[in-house]
Each structure stands twice: as structure tokens, then as C-alpha cells.
């Protein structure tokens, strides 16, 4: 399969069936029908992030994911859209994609405590609890007490993952 995700290989976002691969290009089959397609809307970084956050906080994770992706296309030197994209993937229970994107983000920002924390969450959700706890501990040394680091620590806690649904603690 290689290094690129399904979204990157197709050049489209999920659910964008009427959006061309590049501005002004027609969709496959559109020329035969004589139809013209609308160009991709371009967003600057702040606008894309604002739209992504709006969708995220309304629980519309697929839409938020599209706008975080657009923000990354505009400016990938900021960790915030990477973090938003990974959290959306986690919320959508797409563990393989979340793991892929957190690894890519850590290539750019290896010392970012929030990204290291998200790596710990992905590990914990994939059943690697001991590694997740170690990664969470490392995140705490990188950025200290960021809210995401503490949330990740709670999600990676061995006592939390060892509980059964009916147990009380």
C-alpha cells in the first residue's frame, strides 16, 4: 500500500464526489454529459482552521477533517491542524489512519507534547497499553501539563484499561 493514505491517492476528500481534483478540471464523465463542474474553493489557513473547529465542536468530524486537511495544504508548519485531524480520526474510530497521521506529524514536530500524547492514545486504543503509558510519560517530560497530555495519560492508564464494564473503582 505504501506511505500514502487512501485520501491522498485519490486526491479527493471523502464525500466530495462533485469536486474536481484541481480548480477548473472537469469530473470524469462530465465532459461526455456536457456538464461543467465547480472549482474547489480555496481557503486561507485561518479560515480553514475556523471552519474546521466549527465543524469539530458540532461533532461533524468528517467535515472538520476536510477543513483540517485544507489547512494543512495551505500551511503544514503548524501542529494545530495535525492535532485536529488526528483527533477527528480517533473520534471516527479510524485507528490505522490516525496512526499514520500521528507518525507523519511527529516527523515534523518530534518534541510536541500534544502529538506525542496522541501517539500514546493511538497505542492504547490499539492494545499496546505498556507502550502507551511509556509514551505518555515521555509526553509529560516534553511539555509538562498540557491538557491533552493529561487526557492522554488518563486514557492510557493501566487501571482504566484493565477494568471490566461492570466493575467499580
Protein backbone atom coordinates (compact mmCIF):
# COMPACT_ATOMS: atom_id res chain seq x y z
CA UNK A 1 0.00 0.00 0.00
CA UNK A 2 2.85 2.38 0.65
CA UNK A 3 3.23 5.57 2.55
CA UNK A 4 0.15 7.44 1.35
CA UNK A 5 -3.35 7.06 2.65
CA UNK A 6 -6.40 6.37 0.54
CA UNK A 7 -7.38 10.05 0.70
CA UNK A 8 -4.04 11.15 -0.74
CA UNK A 9 -4.01 8.54 -3.52
CA UNK A 10 -7.42 9.53 -4.83
CA UNK A 11 -6.84 13.26 -4.49
CA UNK A 12 -10.30 13.79 -3.04
CA UNK A 13 -11.80 14.11 0.37
CA UNK A 14 -14.41 11.59 1.48
CA UNK A 15 -17.83 12.57 0.29
CA UNK A 16 -16.57 15.08 -2.27
CA UNK A 17 -17.97 13.44 -5.38
CA UNK A 18 -18.68 16.60 -7.34
CA UNK A 19 -15.41 18.40 -6.60
CA UNK A 20 -12.69 18.16 -9.27
CA UNK A 21 -9.12 17.18 -8.45
CA UNK A 22 -7.87 20.66 -9.35
CA UNK A 23 -9.58 24.01 -9.97
CA UNK A 24 -11.21 24.22 -13.39
CA UNK A 25 -10.86 20.49 -14.14
CA UNK A 26 -13.93 18.53 -15.07
CA UNK A 27 -15.02 15.41 -13.25
CA UNK A 28 -14.59 12.12 -15.10
CA UNK A 29 -17.63 11.62 -17.30
CA UNK A 30 -18.69 15.26 -17.01
CA UNK A 31 -17.36 16.12 -20.47
CA UNK A 32 -19.49 13.42 -22.03
CA UNK A 33 -22.57 14.80 -20.34
CA UNK A 34 -21.65 18.35 -21.30
CA UNK A 35 -21.66 19.47 -17.68
CA UNK A 36 -19.18 21.83 -16.13
CA UNK A 37 -18.01 21.39 -12.59
CA UNK A 38 -17.44 23.96 -9.93
CA UNK A 39 -13.85 24.71 -8.88
CA UNK A 40 -12.51 23.82 -5.45
CA UNK A 41 -12.99 26.66 -3.00
CA UNK A 42 -9.68 27.94 -1.74
CA UNK A 43 -9.31 28.83 1.91
CA UNK A 44 -6.52 30.61 3.67
CA UNK A 45 -5.13 28.98 6.81
CA UNK A 46 -7.13 30.96 9.42
CA UNK A 47 -10.41 30.47 7.55
CA UNK A 48 -9.83 26.74 7.08
CA UNK A 49 -8.98 26.36 10.76
CA UNK A 50 -12.02 28.34 11.83
CA UNK A 51 -14.33 26.22 9.66
CA UNK A 52 -12.63 23.02 10.86
CA UNK A 53 -13.03 23.98 14.51
CA UNK A 54 -16.70 24.92 13.98
CA UNK A 55 -17.44 21.51 12.48
CA UNK A 56 -15.34 19.75 15.11
CA UNK A 57 -17.19 21.35 18.03
CA UNK A 58 -20.52 20.48 16.41
CA UNK A 59 -19.46 16.83 16.21
CA UNK A 60 -19.23 16.88 12.42
CA UNK A 61 -15.89 15.09 12.29
CA UNK A 62 -15.86 14.24 8.57
CA UNK A 63 -16.43 17.87 7.63
CA UNK A 64 -13.88 19.02 10.19
CA UNK A 65 -11.39 16.54 8.77
CA UNK A 66 -11.78 18.08 5.31
CA UNK A 67 -11.07 21.58 6.60
CA UNK A 68 -8.11 20.48 8.72
CA UNK A 69 -6.77 18.86 5.57
CA UNK A 70 -7.23 22.13 3.67
CA UNK A 71 -5.43 23.99 6.43
CA UNK A 72 -2.56 21.51 6.15
CA UNK A 73 -2.42 22.03 2.39
CA UNK A 74 -2.13 25.76 2.98
CA UNK A 75 0.35 25.64 5.85
CA UNK A 76 1.64 22.41 7.33
CA UNK A 77 4.23 24.05 9.58
CA UNK A 78 1.74 24.41 12.45
CA UNK A 79 0.93 21.44 14.72
CA UNK A 80 -2.68 22.52 15.37
CA UNK A 81 -4.29 21.19 12.16
CA UNK A 82 -2.34 17.96 12.54
CA UNK A 83 -3.73 17.59 16.06
CA UNK A 84 -7.27 18.36 14.92
CA UNK A 85 -7.05 15.87 12.08
CA UNK A 86 -5.76 13.10 14.34
CA UNK A 87 -8.44 13.72 16.96
CA UNK A 88 -11.13 13.61 14.26
CA UNK A 89 -9.79 10.27 13.03
CA UNK A 90 -9.79 8.94 16.59
CA UNK A 91 -13.38 10.10 17.09
CA UNK A 92 -14.33 8.37 13.83
CA UNK A 93 -12.57 5.20 15.09
CA UNK A 94 -10.18 5.14 12.14
CA UNK A 95 -7.17 3.83 14.05
CA UNK A 96 -4.96 2.98 11.07
CA UNK A 97 -5.38 6.44 9.56
CA UNK A 98 -4.88 8.10 12.96
CA UNK A 99 -1.68 6.11 13.47
CA UNK A 100 -0.44 7.09 10.01
CA UNK A 101 -1.13 10.79 10.52
CA UNK A 102 0.34 10.93 14.02
CA UNK A 103 3.54 9.35 12.72
CA UNK A 104 3.74 11.93 9.92
CA UNK A 105 3.10 14.78 12.30
CA UNK A 106 5.80 13.52 14.66
CA UNK A 107 8.26 13.55 11.76
CA UNK A 108 7.72 17.31 11.56
CA UNK A 109 7.24 18.01 15.28
CA UNK A 110 9.05 15.25 17.21
CA UNK A 111 9.04 17.12 20.53
CA UNK A 112 5.44 18.40 20.51
CA UNK A 113 3.86 17.04 23.70
CA UNK A 114 0.33 17.07 22.27
CA UNK A 115 1.34 14.95 19.29
CA UNK A 116 3.33 12.57 21.48
CA UNK A 117 0.25 12.34 23.71
CA UNK A 118 -1.94 11.49 20.74
CA UNK A 119 0.55 8.81 19.76
CA UNK A 120 0.04 7.34 23.24
CA UNK A 121 -3.74 7.38 22.77
CA UNK A 122 -3.45 5.60 19.42
CA UNK A 123 -1.20 2.97 21.03
CA UNK A 124 -3.63 2.47 23.90
CA UNK A 125 -6.57 2.06 21.55
CA UNK A 126 -4.57 -0.49 19.57
CA UNK A 127 -3.99 -2.54 22.74
CA UNK A 128 -0.37 -1.55 23.38
CA UNK A 129 -1.02 -0.26 26.88
CA UNK A 130 2.50 -0.55 28.31
CA UNK A 131 3.99 1.29 25.33
CA UNK A 132 1.21 3.86 25.55
CA UNK A 133 1.99 4.56 29.20
CA UNK A 134 5.68 4.97 28.40
CA UNK A 135 4.87 7.31 25.52
CA UNK A 136 2.51 9.25 27.76
CA UNK A 137 5.25 9.60 30.37
CA UNK A 138 7.59 10.88 27.67
CA UNK A 139 4.95 13.42 26.57
CA UNK A 140 4.77 14.70 30.14
CA UNK A 141 8.53 15.40 30.07
CA UNK A 142 8.24 17.24 26.73
CA UNK A 143 5.53 19.74 27.51
CA UNK A 144 4.55 19.13 31.03
CA UNK A 145 0.99 19.81 31.90
CA UNK A 146 -0.82 20.49 28.66
CA UNK A 147 -4.47 19.45 28.86
CA UNK A 148 -4.06 16.97 26.02
CA UNK A 149 -1.10 15.32 27.76
CA UNK A 150 -3.18 14.76 30.90
CA UNK A 151 -6.19 13.50 28.95
CA UNK A 152 -3.95 11.09 27.06
CA UNK A 153 -2.44 9.93 30.33
CA UNK A 154 -5.87 9.14 31.69
CA UNK A 155 -6.79 7.21 28.55
CA UNK A 156 -3.54 5.20 28.77
CA UNK A 157 -3.82 4.39 32.44
CA UNK A 158 -3.41 0.62 33.01
CA UNK A 159 -6.10 0.67 35.69
CA UNK A 160 -8.51 2.32 33.25
CA UNK A 161 -7.91 -0.23 30.51
CA UNK A 162 -7.91 -3.20 32.89
CA UNK A 163 -11.41 -2.51 34.23
CA UNK A 164 -14.34 -4.51 33.03
CA UNK A 165 -17.54 -2.68 32.09
CA UNK A 166 -19.34 -3.77 35.25
CA UNK A 167 -16.53 -3.15 37.71
CA UNK A 168 -16.44 -0.30 40.17
CA UNK A 169 -13.31 1.55 41.18
